[in-house]
C-alpha atoms as a PDB file:
ATOM      1  CA  MET A   1     -31.142  -6.680  -0.779  1.00  0.00           C
ATOM      2  CA  LYS A   2     -31.945  -7.470  -4.475  1.00  0.00           C
ATOM      3  CA  CYS A   3     -30.143  -7.025  -7.313  1.00  0.00           C
ATOM      4  CA  PRO A   4     -31.343  -3.956  -9.091  1.00  0.00           C
ATOM      5  CA  LYS A   5     -30.394  -5.183 -12.972  1.00  0.00           C
ATOM      6  CA  CYS A   6     -31.939  -8.735 -12.182  1.00  0.00           C
ATOM      7  CA  GLU A   7     -33.363  -9.017  -9.049  1.00  0.00           C
ATOM      8  CA  SER A   8     -31.893 -11.840  -7.755  1.00  0.00           C
ATOM      9  CA  ASN A   9     -31.017 -12.088  -4.190  1.00  0.00           C
ATOM     10  CA  LEU A  10     -27.474 -11.008  -3.146  1.00  0.00           C
ATOM     11  CA  LYS A  11     -24.864 -12.885  -1.455  1.00  0.00           C
ATOM     12  CA  LYS A  12     -22.875 -10.725   1.176  1.00  0.00           C
ATOM     13  CA  VAL A  13     -19.239 -11.548   0.640  1.00  0.00           C
ATOM     14  CA  GLU A  14     -15.740 -10.275   2.581  1.00  0.00           C
ATOM     15  CA  VAL A  15     -13.138  -8.392   0.531  1.00  0.00           C
ATOM     16  CA  GLY A  16     -10.054  -8.786   1.428  1.00  0.00           C
ATOM     17  CA  VAL A  17      -7.707  -6.023   0.400  1.00  0.00           C
ATOM     18  CA  TYR A  18      -3.730  -6.085  -0.390  1.00  0.00           C
ATOM     19  CA  GLY A  19      -2.492  -4.151   2.600  1.00  0.00           C
ATOM     20  CA  ALA A  20      -4.966  -4.066   4.483  1.00  0.00           C
ATOM     21  CA  LYS A  21      -6.227  -5.957   8.077  1.00  0.00           C
ATOM     22  CA  GLN A  22      -9.738  -5.129   8.066  1.00  0.00           C
ATOM     23  CA  LYS A  23     -12.527  -6.613   4.983  1.00  0.00           C
ATOM     24  CA  ALA A  24     -14.436  -4.899   2.973  1.00  0.00           C
ATOM     25  CA  ILE A  25     -18.168  -6.006   2.786  1.00  0.00           C
ATOM     26  CA  SER A  26     -19.287  -6.339  -1.023  1.00  0.00           C
ATOM     27  CA  TYR A  27     -23.022  -7.854  -2.366  1.00  0.00           C
ATOM     28  CA  GLN A  28     -22.411  -9.349  -4.974  1.00  0.00           C
ATOM     29  CA  CYS A  29     -25.377 -10.993  -7.838  1.00  0.00           C
ATOM     30  CA  PRO A  30     -24.849 -14.911  -8.538  1.00  0.00           C
ATOM     31  CA  LYS A  31     -26.817 -14.303 -11.553  1.00  0.00           C
ATOM     32  CA  CYS A  32     -25.105 -10.916 -13.229  1.00  0.00           C
ATOM     33  CA  ASP A  33     -22.462 -10.145 -11.859  1.00  0.00           C
ATOM     34  CA  TYR A  34     -23.609  -6.963 -10.299  1.00  0.00           C
ATOM     35  CA  PHE A  35     -21.788  -5.760  -7.394  1.00  0.00           C
ATOM     36  CA  GLU A  36     -21.430  -3.282  -4.681  1.00  0.00           C
ATOM     37  CA  PHE A  37     -19.450  -2.322  -1.818  1.00  0.00           C
ATOM     38  CA  GLU A  38     -20.904  -1.147   1.661  1.00  0.00           C
ATOM     39  CA  SER A  39     -19.627   2.632   2.363  1.00  0.00           C
ATOM     40  CA  LYS A  40     -18.628   1.864   6.125  1.00  0.00           C
ATOM     41  CA  SER A  41     -16.578  -0.837   5.502  1.00  0.00           C
ATOM     42  CA  SER A  42     -15.147   0.228   2.366  1.00  0.00           C
ATOM     43  CA  LYS A  43     -14.243   3.781   4.578  1.00  0.00           C
ATOM     44  CA  LYS A  44     -12.648   2.297   7.145  1.00  0.00           C
ATOM     45  CA  VAL A  45     -10.062  -0.071   4.648  1.00  0.00           C
ATOM     46  CA  VAL A  46      -9.725   3.162   2.641  1.00  0.00           C
ATOM     47  CA  GLU A  47      -8.340   5.217   6.062  1.00  0.00           C
ATOM     48  CA  GLU A  48      -6.037   2.064   7.496  1.00  0.00           C
ATOM     49  CA  LEU A  49      -4.569   1.864   3.709  1.00  0.00           C
ATOM     50  CA  ARG A  50      -3.604   5.787   3.649  1.00  0.00           C
ATOM     51  CA  GLU A  51      -2.360   5.223   7.559  1.00  0.00           C
ATOM     52  CA  THR A  52       0.102   1.914   5.567  1.00  0.00           C
ATOM     53  CA  PRO A  53       3.673   3.350   5.077  1.00  0.00           C
ATOM     54  CA  LEU A  54       4.752   4.030   1.427  1.00  0.00           C
ATOM     55  CA  LYS A  55       6.670   0.542   0.004  1.00  0.00           C
ATOM     56  CA  ILE A  56       8.243   0.691  -3.000  1.00  0.00           C
ATOM     57  CA  LYS A  57      10.888  -2.133  -4.354  1.00  0.00           C
ATOM     58  CA  GLN A  58      14.362  -1.007  -5.305  1.00  0.00           C
ATOM     59  CA  LYS A  59      16.918  -2.504  -6.531  1.00  0.00           C
ATOM     60  CA  ILE A  60      20.567  -3.054  -5.088  1.00  0.00           C
ATOM     61  CA  VAL A  61      23.428  -1.943  -7.812  1.00  0.00           C
ATOM     62  CA  LYS A  62      26.800  -2.176  -7.820  1.00  0.00           C
ATOM     63  CA  LEU A  63      28.455   1.284  -7.094  1.00  0.00           C
ATOM     64  CA  SER A  64      32.436   0.387  -7.352  1.00  0.00           C
ATOM     65  CA  GLN A  65      34.685  -2.734  -6.075  1.00  0.00           C
ATOM     66  CA  ASP A  66      33.410  -2.982  -2.618  1.00  0.00           C
ATOM     67  CA  ARG A  67      30.729  -0.719  -2.792  1.00  0.00           C
ATOM     68  CA  LEU A  68      26.421  -1.502  -3.510  1.00  0.00           C
ATOM     69  CA  GLY A  69      23.981   1.696  -3.504  1.00  0.00           C
ATOM     70  CA  MET A  70      20.460   2.195  -4.424  1.00  0.00           C
ATOM     71  CA  TYR A  71      18.772   4.708  -6.140  1.00  0.00           C
ATOM     72  CA  PHE A  72      15.935   6.706  -4.204  1.00  0.00           C
ATOM     73  CA  ASN A  73      12.837   6.650  -6.754  1.00  0.00           C
ATOM     74  CA  ASN A  74      10.830   9.617  -7.742  1.00  0.00           C
ATOM     75  CA  HIS A  75       8.137   9.572  -5.326  1.00  0.00           C
ATOM     76  CA  ILE A  76      10.289   8.999  -2.261  1.00  0.00           C
ATOM     77  CA  VAL A  77      12.658  12.214  -3.823  1.00  0.00           C
ATOM     78  CA  ARG A  78       9.430  13.950  -3.497  1.00  0.00           C
ATOM     79  CA  SER A  79       7.219  13.328  -0.814  1.00  0.00           C
ATOM     80  CA  LEU A  80      10.826  13.751   1.437  1.00  0.00           C
ATOM     81  CA  ASN A  81      11.731  16.342  -0.381  1.00  0.00           C
ATOM     82  CA  LEU A  82      15.467  15.044  -0.450  1.00  0.00           C
ATOM     83  CA  LYS A  83      18.034  17.533  -2.451  1.00  0.00           C
ATOM     84  CA  LYS A  84      21.597  16.306  -4.113  1.00  0.00           C
ATOM     85  CA  GLY A  85      24.325  16.173  -1.213  1.00  0.00           C
ATOM     86  CA  GLU A  86      21.897  15.883   1.981  1.00  0.00           C
ATOM     87  CA  ASN A  87      23.188  13.358   4.610  1.00  0.00           C
ATOM     88  CA  ILE A  88      21.285  10.350   5.639  1.00  0.00           C
ATOM     89  CA  TYR A  89      21.964   8.392   8.975  1.00  0.00           C
ATOM     90  CA  ALA A  90      21.793   4.843   8.472  1.00  0.00           C
ATOM     91  CA  SER A  91      21.171   2.178  11.298  1.00  0.00           C
ATOM     92  CA  VAL A  92      20.647  -1.297  11.337  1.00  0.00           C
ATOM     93  CA  PRO A  93      18.659  -2.559  13.725  1.00  0.00           C
ATOM     94  CA  ASP A  94      18.091  -5.970  12.603  1.00  0.00           C
ATOM     95  CA  LYS A  95      18.530  -7.985   9.668  1.00  0.00           C
ATOM     96  CA  ASN A  96      15.633  -8.022   7.827  1.00  0.00           C
ATOM     97  CA  HIS A  97      15.886  -4.289   8.422  1.00  0.00           C
ATOM     98  CA  ILE A  98      17.442  -0.453   7.384  1.00  0.00           C
ATOM     99  CA  ILE A  99      16.604   3.403   8.773  1.00  0.00           C
ATOM    100  CA  LEU A 100      17.330   5.658   7.169  1.00  0.00           C
ATOM    101  CA  GLU A 101      16.915   9.185   9.144  1.00  0.00           C
ATOM    102  CA  ILE A 102      16.903  12.624   8.109  1.00  0.00           C
ATOM    103  CA  ARG A 103      18.119  15.448  10.339  1.00  0.00           C
ATOM    104  CA  SER A 104      17.509  18.644   9.606  1.00  0.00           C
END
């Protein structure tokens, strides 16, 4: 493939995208910084990222003397349609995970 700007040969590069296991294929010009992504591999990466669960960094806050808690980010509240006063069930399967369950 040739660069549409300077006619140099494009170099094929596999590009890692944070959060995706698959890599997108990019064709890059070593002379003029032109690049383009291959459609097929890019679509696969986007589909993989859409399947990834929402992850948001949260801070633990002190509620009172012996209690800790956290506030839910507005994106989480909206995506789960949470309302004030609803009950959620928490379980701790191991030292690195907390599972919150909403039962209707």
